[in-house]
PDB file of N, CA and C in Angstrom:
ATOM      1  N   MET A   1       9.411  28.931-122.764  1.00  0.00           N
ATOM      2  CA  MET A   1       9.220  27.677-123.450  1.00  0.00           C
ATOM      3  C   MET A   1      10.066  27.619-124.723  1.00  0.00           C
ATOM      4  N   SER A   2      10.252  28.761-125.359  1.00  0.00           N
ATOM      5  CA  SER A   2      10.984  28.814-126.617  1.00  0.00           C
ATOM      6  C   SER A   2      12.427  28.303-126.496  1.00  0.00           C
ATOM      7  N   PRO A   3      13.200  28.729-125.479  1.00  0.00           N
ATOM      8  CA  PRO A   3      14.565  28.192-125.354  1.00  0.00           C
ATOM      9  C   PRO A   3      14.592  26.678-125.177  1.00  0.00           C
ATOM     10  N   TYR A   4      13.627  26.151-124.436  1.00  0.00           N
ATOM     11  CA  TYR A   4      13.556  24.706-124.216  1.00  0.00           C
ATOM     12  C   TYR A   4      13.282  23.970-125.520  1.00  0.00           C
ATOM     13  N   LEU A   5      12.332  24.454-126.306  1.00  0.00           N
ATOM     14  CA  LEU A   5      12.006  23.822-127.584  1.00  0.00           C
ATOM     15  C   LEU A   5      13.175  23.929-128.567  1.00  0.00           C
ATOM     16  N   PHE A   6      13.867  25.056-128.554  1.00  0.00           N
ATOM     17  CA  PHE A   6      15.039  25.231-129.411  1.00  0.00           C
ATOM     18  C   PHE A   6      16.121  24.217-129.041  1.00  0.00           C
ATOM     19  N   ALA A   7      16.323  23.996-127.753  1.00  0.00           N
ATOM     20  CA  ALA A   7      17.321  23.017-127.302  1.00  0.00           C
ATOM     21  C   ALA A   7      16.951  21.609-127.759  1.00  0.00           C
ATOM     22  N   ILE A   8      15.679  21.280-127.705  1.00  0.00           N
ATOM     23  CA  ILE A   8      15.236  19.968-128.190  1.00  0.00           C
ATOM     24  C   ILE A   8      15.491  19.847-129.688  1.00  0.00           C
ATOM     25  N   TYR A   9      15.206  20.914-130.419  1.00  0.00           N
ATOM     26  CA  TYR A   9      15.391  20.922-131.870  1.00  0.00           C
ATOM     27  C   TYR A   9      16.863  20.734-132.247  1.00  0.00           C
ATOM     28  N   LEU A  10      17.775  21.232-131.408  1.00  0.00           N
ATOM     29  CA  LEU A  10      19.204  21.128-131.700  1.00  0.00           C
ATOM     30  C   LEU A  10      19.889  19.950-131.010  1.00  0.00           C
ATOM     31  N   ASP A  11      19.138  19.094-130.342  1.00  0.00           N
ATOM     32  CA  ASP A  11      19.738  17.980-129.615  1.00  0.00           C
ATOM     33  C   ASP A  11      20.570  17.078-130.525  1.00  0.00           C
ATOM     34  N   GLU A  12      20.081  16.790-131.705  1.00  0.00           N
ATOM     35  CA  GLU A  12      20.813  15.946-132.650  1.00  0.00           C
ATOM     36  C   GLU A  12      22.128  16.595-133.082  1.00  0.00           C
ATOM     37  N   LEU A  13      22.154  17.927-133.126  1.00  0.00           N
ATOM     38  CA  LEU A  13      23.380  18.643-133.477  1.00  0.00           C
ATOM     39  C   LEU A  13      24.488  18.333-132.478  1.00  0.00           C
ATOM     40  N   SER A  14      24.140  18.220-131.208  1.00  0.00           N
ATOM     41  CA  SER A  14      25.125  17.889-130.181  1.00  0.00           C
ATOM     42  C   SER A  14      25.774  16.543-130.460  1.00  0.00           C
ATOM     43  N   THR A  15      24.975  15.569-130.816  1.00  0.00           N
ATOM     44  CA  THR A  15      25.499  14.237-131.136  1.00  0.00           C
ATOM     45  C   THR A  15      26.424  14.295-132.337  1.00  0.00           C
ATOM     46  N   GLU A  16      26.008  14.975-133.386  1.00  0.00           N
ATOM     47  CA  GLU A  16      26.826  15.072-134.598  1.00  0.00           C
ATOM     48  C   GLU A  16      28.127  15.828-134.344  1.00  0.00           C
ATOM     49  N   THR A  17      28.066  16.880-133.546  1.00  0.00           N
ATOM     50  CA  THR A  17      29.262  17.673-133.255  1.00  0.00           C
ATOM     51  C   THR A  17      30.251  16.881-132.417  1.00  0.00           C
ATOM     52  N   ASN A  18      29.775  16.125-131.452  1.00  0.00           N
ATOM     53  CA  ASN A  18      30.666  15.341-130.596  1.00  0.00           C
ATOM     54  C   ASN A  18      31.322  14.188-131.342  1.00  0.00           C
ATOM     55  N   GLN A  19      30.706  13.703-132.416  1.00  0.00           N
ATOM     56  CA  GLN A  19      31.265  12.586-133.174  1.00  0.00           C
ATOM     57  C   GLN A  19      32.573  12.950-133.880  1.00  0.00           C
ATOM     58  N   ILE A  20      32.806  14.224-134.157  1.00  0.00           N
ATOM     59  CA  ILE A  20      34.048  14.594-134.851  1.00  0.00           C
ATOM     60  C   ILE A  20      35.228  14.753-133.898  1.00  0.00           C
ATOM     61  N   LYS A  21      34.960  14.658-132.590  1.00  0.00           N
ATOM     62  CA  LYS A  21      36.016  14.673-131.561  1.00  0.00           C
ATOM     63  C   LYS A  21      36.880  15.927-131.616  1.00  0.00           C
ATOM     64  N   LYS A  22      36.274  17.066-131.923  1.00  0.00           N
ATOM     65  CA  LYS A  22      36.972  18.353-131.910  1.00  0.00           C
ATOM     66  C   LYS A  22      36.376  19.191-130.802  1.00  0.00           C
ATOM     67  N   GLY A  23      37.189  19.955-130.125  1.00  0.00           N
ATOM     68  CA  GLY A  23      36.709  20.820-129.062  1.00  0.00           C
ATOM     69  C   GLY A  23      37.661  20.786-127.886  1.00  0.00           C
ATOM     70  N   CYS A  24      37.197  21.259-126.775  1.00  0.00           N
ATOM     71  CA  CYS A  24      38.000  21.318-125.567  1.00  0.00           C
ATOM     72  C   CYS A  24      37.605  20.155-124.651  1.00  0.00           C
ATOM     73  N   TYR A  25      38.588  19.464-124.152  1.00  0.00           N
ATOM     74  CA  TYR A  25      38.317  18.330-123.271  1.00  0.00           C
ATOM     75  C   TYR A  25      38.451  18.763-121.813  1.00  0.00           C
ATOM     76  N   VAL A  26      37.485  18.353-121.014  1.00  0.00           N
ATOM     77  CA  VAL A  26      37.526  18.514-119.567  1.00  0.00           C
ATOM     78  C   VAL A  26      37.425  17.099-119.026  1.00  0.00           C
ATOM     79  N   GLY A  27      38.578  16.543-118.690  1.00  0.00           N
ATOM     80  CA  GLY A  27      38.626  15.129-118.357  1.00  0.00           C
ATOM     81  C   GLY A  27      38.334  14.336-119.620  1.00  0.00           C
ATOM     82  N   GLU A  28      37.326  13.505-119.578  1.00  0.00           N
ATOM     83  CA  GLU A  28      36.940  12.721-120.753  1.00  0.00           C
ATOM     84  C   GLU A  28      35.732  13.307-121.480  1.00  0.00           C
ATOM     85  N   VAL A  29      35.268  14.454-121.018  1.00  0.00           N
ATOM     86  CA  VAL A  29      34.103  15.102-121.610  1.00  0.00           C
ATOM     87  C   VAL A  29      34.567  16.141-122.620  1.00  0.00           C
ATOM     88  N   ILE A  30      33.977  16.109-123.814  1.00  0.00           N
ATOM     89  CA  ILE A  30      34.327  17.092-124.837  1.00  0.00           C
ATOM     90  C   ILE A  30      33.303  18.227-124.815  1.00  0.00           C
ATOM     91  N   LEU A  31      33.807  19.449-124.807  1.00  0.00           N
ATOM     92  CA  LEU A  31      32.966  20.642-124.864  1.00  0.00           C
ATOM     93  C   LEU A  31      33.342  21.407-126.121  1.00  0.00           C
ATOM     94  N   ASN A  32      32.393  21.593-127.020  1.00  0.00           N
ATOM     95  CA  ASN A  32      32.709  22.330-128.237  1.00  0.00           C
ATOM     96  C   ASN A  32      31.702  23.441-128.520  1.00  0.00           C
ATOM     97  N   TYR A  33      30.626  23.495-127.760  1.00  0.00           N
ATOM     98  CA  TYR A  33      29.741  24.653-127.843  1.00  0.00           C
ATOM     99  C   TYR A  33      28.867  24.724-126.610  1.00  0.00           C
ATOM    100  N   VAL A  34      28.416  25.925-126.332  1.00  0.00           N
ATOM    101  CA  VAL A  34      27.421  26.155-125.295  1.00  0.00           C
ATOM    102  C   VAL A  34      26.294  26.956-125.935  1.00  0.00           C
ATOM    103  N   MET A  35      25.109  26.795-125.395  1.00  0.00           N
ATOM    104  CA  MET A  35      23.951  27.410-126.007  1.00  0.00           C
ATOM    105  C   MET A  35      23.061  27.977-124.903  1.00  0.00           C
ATOM    106  N   PHE A  36      22.519  29.161-125.153  1.00  0.00           N
ATOM    107  CA  PHE A  36      21.513  29.736-124.285  1.00  0.00           C
ATOM    108  C   PHE A  36      20.470  30.388-125.178  1.00  0.00           C
ATOM    109  N   ALA A  37      19.237  29.963-125.036  1.00  0.00           N
ATOM    110  CA  ALA A  37      18.141  30.422-125.899  1.00  0.00           C
ATOM    111  C   ALA A  37      18.542  30.173-127.345  1.00  0.00           C
ATOM    112  N   ASP A  38      18.631  31.219-128.167  1.00  0.00           N
ATOM    113  CA  ASP A  38      19.004  31.006-129.566  1.00  0.00           C
ATOM    114  C   ASP A  38      20.431  31.474-129.857  1.00  0.00           C
ATOM    115  N   ASP A  39      21.234  31.666-128.815  1.00  0.00           N
ATOM    116  CA  ASP A  39      22.635  32.048-128.979  1.00  0.00           C
ATOM    117  C   ASP A  39      23.528  30.834-128.781  1.00  0.00           C
ATOM    118  N   ILE A  40      24.530  30.711-129.637  1.00  0.00           N
ATOM    119  CA  ILE A  40      25.455  29.582-129.572  1.00  0.00           C
ATOM    120  C   ILE A  40      26.878  30.117-129.578  1.00  0.00           C
ATOM    121  N   CYS A  41      27.694  29.606-128.676  1.00  0.00           N
ATOM    122  CA  CYS A  41      29.114  29.943-128.634  1.00  0.00           C
ATOM    123  C   CYS A  41      29.889  28.651-128.920  1.00  0.00           C
ATOM    124  N   VAL A  42      30.665  28.656-129.999  1.00  0.00           N
ATOM    125  CA  VAL A  42      31.444  27.488-130.415  1.00  0.00           C
ATOM    126  C   VAL A  42      32.899  27.751-130.055  1.00  0.00           C
ATOM    127  N   PHE A  43      33.584  26.744-129.514  1.00  0.00           N
ATOM    128  CA  PHE A  43      34.987  26.933-129.169  1.00  0.00           C
ATOM    129  C   PHE A  43      35.791  25.661-129.382  1.00  0.00           C
ATOM    130  N   CYS A  44      37.069  25.882-129.678  1.00  0.00           N
ATOM    131  CA  CYS A  44      37.980  24.788-129.968  1.00  0.00           C
ATOM    132  C   CYS A  44      39.403  25.319-129.798  1.00  0.00           C
ATOM    133  N   PRO A  45      40.349  24.477-129.404  1.00  0.00           N
ATOM    134  CA  PRO A  45      41.710  24.961-129.219  1.00  0.00           C
ATOM    135  C   PRO A  45      42.485  25.203-130.524  1.00  0.00           C
ATOM    136  N   SER A  46      41.943  24.819-131.673  1.00  0.00           N
ATOM    137  CA  SER A  46      42.637  25.064-132.941  1.00  0.00           C
ATOM    138  C   SER A  46      41.682  25.649-133.972  1.00  0.00           C
ATOM    139  N   ALA A  47      42.225  26.455-134.884  1.00  0.00           N
ATOM    140  CA  ALA A  47      41.414  27.052-135.945  1.00  0.00           C
ATOM    141  C   ALA A  47      40.848  25.971-136.861  1.00  0.00           C
ATOM    142  N   GLN A  48      41.633  24.940-137.150  1.00  0.00           N
ATOM    143  CA  GLN A  48      41.162  23.856-138.009  1.00  0.00           C
ATOM    144  C   GLN A  48      40.017  23.103-137.354  1.00  0.00           C
ATOM    145  N   GLY A  49      40.132  22.855-136.066  1.00  0.00           N
ATOM    146  CA  GLY A  49      39.064  22.182-135.336  1.00  0.00           C
ATOM    147  C   GLY A  49      37.805  23.023-135.285  1.00  0.00           C
ATOM    148  N   LEU A  50      37.977  24.338-135.090  1.00  0.00           N
ATOM    149  CA  LEU A  50      36.834  25.240-135.067  1.00  0.00           C
ATOM    150  C   LEU A  50      36.103  25.220-136.402  1.00  0.00           C
ATOM    151  N   GLN A  51      36.860  25.232-137.501  1.00  0.00           N
ATOM    152  CA  GLN A  51      36.223  25.191-138.813  1.00  0.00           C
ATOM    153  C   GLN A  51      35.501  23.868-139.022  1.00  0.00           C
ATOM    154  N   SER A  52      36.057  22.770-138.515  1.00  0.00           N
ATOM    155  CA  SER A  52      35.385  21.468-138.616  1.00  0.00           C
ATOM    156  C   SER A  52      34.046  21.486-137.892  1.00  0.00           C
ATOM    157  N   ILE A  53      34.021  22.104-136.712  1.00  0.00           N
ATOM    158  CA  ILE A  53      32.779  22.211-135.957  1.00  0.00           C
ATOM    159  C   ILE A  53      31.776  23.083-136.703  1.00  0.00           C
ATOM    160  N   LEU A  54      32.235  24.205-137.242  1.00  0.00           N
ATOM    161  CA  LEU A  54      31.336  25.085-138.001  1.00  0.00           C
ATOM    162  C   LEU A  54      30.803  24.395-139.248  1.00  0.00           C
ATOM    163  N   ASP A  55      31.599  23.528-139.859  1.00  0.00           N
ATOM    164  CA  ASP A  55      31.129  22.767-141.025  1.00  0.00           C
ATOM    165  C   ASP A  55      29.993  21.816-140.639  1.00  0.00           C
ATOM    166  N   VAL A  56      30.095  21.204-139.452  1.00  0.00           N
ATOM    167  CA  VAL A  56      29.017  20.340-138.961  1.00  0.00           C
ATOM    168  C   VAL A  56      27.761  21.180-138.722  1.00  0.00           C
ATOM    169  N   PHE A  57      27.934  22.368-138.123  1.00  0.00           N
ATOM    170  CA  PHE A  57      26.803  23.270-137.911  1.00  0.00           C
ATOM    171  C   PHE A  57      26.161  23.637-139.243  1.00  0.00           C
ATOM    172  N   GLN A  58      26.987  23.920-140.248  1.00  0.00           N
ATOM    173  CA  GLN A  58      26.483  24.299-141.568  1.00  0.00           C
ATOM    174  C   GLN A  58      25.648  23.177-142.182  1.00  0.00           C
ATOM    175  N   ALA A  59      26.161  21.960-142.150  1.00  0.00           N
ATOM    176  CA  ALA A  59      25.442  20.817-142.715  1.00  0.00           C
ATOM    177  C   ALA A  59      24.123  20.595-141.969  1.00  0.00           C
ATOM    178  N   TYR A  60      24.156  20.730-140.651  1.00  0.00           N
ATOM    179  CA  TYR A  60      22.944  20.567-139.848  1.00  0.00           C
ATOM    180  C   TYR A  60      21.919  21.646-140.195  1.00  0.00           C
ATOM    181  N   ALA A  61      22.388  22.865-140.348  1.00  0.00           N
ATOM    182  CA  ALA A  61      21.487  23.969-140.700  1.00  0.00           C
ATOM    183  C   ALA A  61      20.820  23.721-142.046  1.00  0.00           C
ATOM    184  N   GLU A  62      21.587  23.265-143.010  1.00  0.00           N
ATOM    185  CA  GLU A  62      21.039  23.002-144.337  1.00  0.00           C
ATOM    186  C   GLU A  62      19.990  21.895-144.298  1.00  0.00           C
ATOM    187  N   SER A  63      20.244  20.854-143.516  1.00  0.00           N
ATOM    188  CA  SER A  63      19.311  19.726-143.486  1.00  0.00           C
ATOM    189  C   SER A  63      18.097  19.964-142.599  1.00  0.00           C
ATOM    190  N   HIS A  64      18.149  20.981-141.721  1.00  0.00           N
ATOM    191  CA  HIS A  64      17.040  21.234-140.800  1.00  0.00           C
ATOM    192  C   HIS A  64      16.370  22.597-141.006  1.00  0.00           C
ATOM    193  N   GLY A  65      16.728  23.300-142.074  1.00  0.00           N
ATOM    194  CA  GLY A  65      16.077  24.572-142.376  1.00  0.00           C
ATOM    195  C   GLY A  65      16.388  25.688-141.403  1.00  0.00           C
ATOM    196  N   ILE A  66      17.587  25.682-140.845  1.00  0.00           N
ATOM    197  CA  ILE A  66      18.002  26.717-139.891  1.00  0.00           C
ATOM    198  C   ILE A  66      18.818  27.767-140.634  1.00  0.00           C
ATOM    199  N   ILE A  67      18.598  29.023-140.295  1.00  0.00           N
ATOM    200  CA  ILE A  67      19.373  30.114-140.890  1.00  0.00           C
ATOM    201  C   ILE A  67      20.215  30.745-139.786  1.00  0.00           C
ATOM    202  N   PHE A  68      21.530  30.716-139.950  1.00  0.00           N
ATOM    203  CA  PHE A  68      22.430  31.391-139.019  1.00  0.00           C
ATOM    204  C   PHE A  68      22.640  32.816-139.504  1.00  0.00           C
ATOM    205  N   ASN A  69      22.602  33.753-138.589  1.00  0.00           N
ATOM    206  CA  ASN A  69      22.836  35.144-138.940  1.00  0.00           C
ATOM    207  C   ASN A  69      24.330  35.432-138.814  1.00  0.00           C
ATOM    208  N   CYS A  70      25.034  35.320-139.919  1.00  0.00           N
ATOM    209  CA  CYS A  70      26.482  35.515-139.899  1.00  0.00           C
ATOM    210  C   CYS A  70      26.863  36.978-139.687  1.00  0.00           C
ATOM    211  N   ASN A  71      25.913  37.892-139.872  1.00  0.00           N
ATOM    212  CA  ASN A  71      26.192  39.299-139.591  1.00  0.00           C
ATOM    213  C   ASN A  71      26.358  39.538-138.096  1.00  0.00           C
ATOM    214  N   LYS A  72      25.802  38.667-137.270  1.00  0.00           N
ATOM    215  CA  LYS A  72      25.935  38.786-135.819  1.00  0.00           C
ATOM    216  C   LYS A  72      27.010  37.844-135.278  1.00  0.00           C
ATOM    217  N   THR A  73      27.779  37.242-136.164  1.00  0.00           N
ATOM    218  CA  THR A  73      28.780  36.258-135.763  1.00  0.00           C
ATOM    219  C   THR A  73      30.141  36.928-135.610  1.00  0.00           C
ATOM    220  N   ALA A  74      30.832  36.594-134.546  1.00  0.00           N
ATOM    221  CA  ALA A  74      32.171  37.129-134.309  1.00  0.00           C
ATOM    222  C   ALA A  74      33.108  35.970-134.016  1.00  0.00           C
ATOM    223  N   CYS A  75      34.363  36.143-134.373  1.00  0.00           N
ATOM    224  CA  CYS A  75      35.379  35.133-134.086  1.00  0.00           C
ATOM    225  C   CYS A  75      36.475  35.791-133.266  1.00  0.00           C
ATOM    226  N   MET A  76      36.845  35.157-132.171  1.00  0.00           N
ATOM    227  CA  MET A  76      37.939  35.629-131.344  1.00  0.00           C
ATOM    228  C   MET A  76      38.899  34.468-131.120  1.00  0.00           C
ATOM    229  N   MET A  77      40.170  34.758-131.245  1.00  0.00           N
ATOM    230  CA  MET A  77      41.179  33.743-131.002  1.00  0.00           C
ATOM    231  C   MET A  77      42.211  34.338-130.044  1.00  0.00           C
ATOM    232  N   PHE A  78      42.588  33.565-129.041  1.00  0.00           N
ATOM    233  CA  PHE A  78      43.529  34.042-128.048  1.00  0.00           C
ATOM    234  C   PHE A  78      44.752  33.154-128.016  1.00  0.00           C
ATOM    235  N   ASN A  79      45.899  33.768-127.896  1.00  0.00           N
ATOM    236  CA  ASN A  79      47.155  33.065-127.746  1.00  0.00           C
ATOM    237  C   ASN A  79      47.279  32.647-126.287  1.00  0.00           C
ATOM    238  N   THR A  80      47.771  31.467-126.037  1.00  0.00           N
ATOM    239  CA  THR A  80      47.881  30.987-124.654  1.00  0.00           C
ATOM    240  C   THR A  80      48.907  31.770-123.840  1.00  0.00           C
ATOM    241  N   LEU A  81      49.866  32.389-124.503  1.00  0.00           N
ATOM    242  CA  LEU A  81      50.900  33.140-123.786  1.00  0.00           C
ATOM    243  C   LEU A  81      50.574  34.622-123.661  1.00  0.00           C
ATOM    244  N   ASP A  82      49.548  35.061-124.348  1.00  0.00           N
ATOM    245  CA  ASP A  82      49.200  36.479-124.377  1.00  0.00           C
ATOM    246  C   ASP A  82      47.680  36.575-124.356  1.00  0.00           C
ATOM    247  N   THR A  83      47.151  37.510-123.624  1.00  0.00           N
ATOM    248  CA  THR A  83      45.699  37.628-123.530  1.00  0.00           C
ATOM    249  C   THR A  83      45.102  38.497-124.634  1.00  0.00           C
ATOM    250  N   SER A  84      45.933  38.991-125.551  1.00  0.00           N
ATOM    251  CA  SER A  84      45.383  39.822-126.621  1.00  0.00           C
ATOM    252  C   SER A  84      44.754  38.948-127.700  1.00  0.00           C
ATOM    253  N   CYS A  85      43.783  39.503-128.373  1.00  0.00           N
ATOM    254  CA  CYS A  85      43.081  38.798-129.440  1.00  0.00           C
ATOM    255  C   CYS A  85      43.938  38.833-130.698  1.00  0.00           C
ATOM    256  N   ILE A  86      44.004  37.718-131.421  1.00  0.00           N
ATOM    257  CA  ILE A  86      44.759  37.646-132.670  1.00  0.00           C
ATOM    258  C   ILE A  86      43.799  37.336-133.811  1.00  0.00           C
ATOM    259  N   PRO A  87      44.173  37.638-135.065  1.00  0.00           N
ATOM    260  CA  PRO A  87      43.265  37.405-136.199  1.00  0.00           C
ATOM    261  C   PRO A  87      42.853  35.938-136.321  1.00  0.00           C
ATOM    262  N   CYS A  88      41.630  35.727-136.796  1.00  0.00           N
ATOM    263  CA  CYS A  88      41.088  34.374-136.905  1.00  0.00           C
ATOM    264  C   CYS A  88      41.509  33.661-138.177  1.00  0.00           C
ATOM    265  N   GLY A  89      42.009  34.360-139.152  1.00  0.00           N
ATOM    266  CA  GLY A  89      42.410  33.696-140.380  1.00  0.00           C
ATOM    267  C   GLY A  89      41.220  33.315-141.231  1.00  0.00           C
ATOM    268  N   ASP A  90      41.214  32.100-141.730  1.00  0.00           N
ATOM    269  CA  ASP A  90      40.199  31.661-142.680  1.00  0.00           C
ATOM    270  C   ASP A  90      39.073  30.862-142.036  1.00  0.00           C
ATOM    271  N   ILE A  91      38.486  31.394-140.993  1.00  0.00           N
ATOM    272  CA  ILE A  91      37.311  30.772-140.378  1.00  0.00           C
ATOM    273  C   ILE A  91      36.093  31.298-141.119  1.00  0.00           C
ATOM    274  N   HIS A  92      35.225  30.392-141.569  1.00  0.00           N
ATOM    275  CA  HIS A  92      34.071  30.803-142.370  1.00  0.00           C
ATOM    276  C   HIS A  92      32.767  30.378-141.735  1.00  0.00           C
ATOM    277  N   CYS A  93      31.848  31.311-141.682  1.00  0.00           N
ATOM    278  CA  CYS A  93      30.464  31.046-141.284  1.00  0.00           C
ATOM    279  C   CYS A  93      29.624  31.339-142.527  1.00  0.00           C
ATOM    280  N   TYR A  94      28.936  30.341-143.011  1.00  0.00           N
ATOM    281  CA  TYR A  94      28.151  30.504-144.224  1.00  0.00           C
ATOM    282  C   TYR A  94      26.701  30.773-143.879  1.00  0.00           C
ATOM    283  N   ARG A  95      26.145  31.736-144.530  1.00  0.00           N
ATOM    284  CA  ARG A  95      24.731  32.035-144.322  1.00  0.00           C
ATOM    285  C   ARG A  95      23.910  31.089-145.183  1.00  0.00           C
ATOM    286  N   VAL A  96      22.945  30.431-144.591  1.00  0.00           N
ATOM    287  CA  VAL A  96      22.068  29.527-145.308  1.00  0.00           C
ATOM    288  C   VAL A  96      20.791  30.287-145.619  1.00  0.00           C
ATOM    289  N   VAL A  97      20.456  30.376-146.873  1.00  0.00           N
ATOM    290  CA  VAL A  97      19.255  31.095-147.281  1.00  0.00           C
ATOM    291  C   VAL A  97      18.416  30.184-148.146  1.00  0.00           C
ATOM    292  N   TYR A  98      17.145  30.080-147.834  1.00  0.00           N
ATOM    293  CA  TYR A  98      16.223  29.263-148.615  1.00  0.00           C
ATOM    294  C   TYR A  98      15.314  30.195-149.398  1.00  0.00           C
ATOM    295  N   LEU A  99      15.200  29.953-150.690  1.00  0.00           N
ATOM    296  CA  LEU A  99      14.344  30.786-151.546  1.00  0.00           C
ATOM    297  C   LEU A  99      13.048  30.082-151.862  1.00  0.00           C
TER     298      LEU A  99
END
């Protein structure tokens, strides 16, 4: 039941994320994250677009009392011509802490 309730709680996040029109397009459908239980995988074809999506996640977290565990967060970027992982640069995941 918990994964289902979590998905309902994050439903508005999907709407907000899709409004910025960043992510990967499959036909006319935009895909910018997938979620299973409490795990989220965010993806975008550009570092700038990825940061824009993470900024939307950050704002949503702040307004809904969600804490992302940035210690468990990883960033991987792949070159289209090479399958090796390259540095992510200045991608930031901010930890939201409420006192």
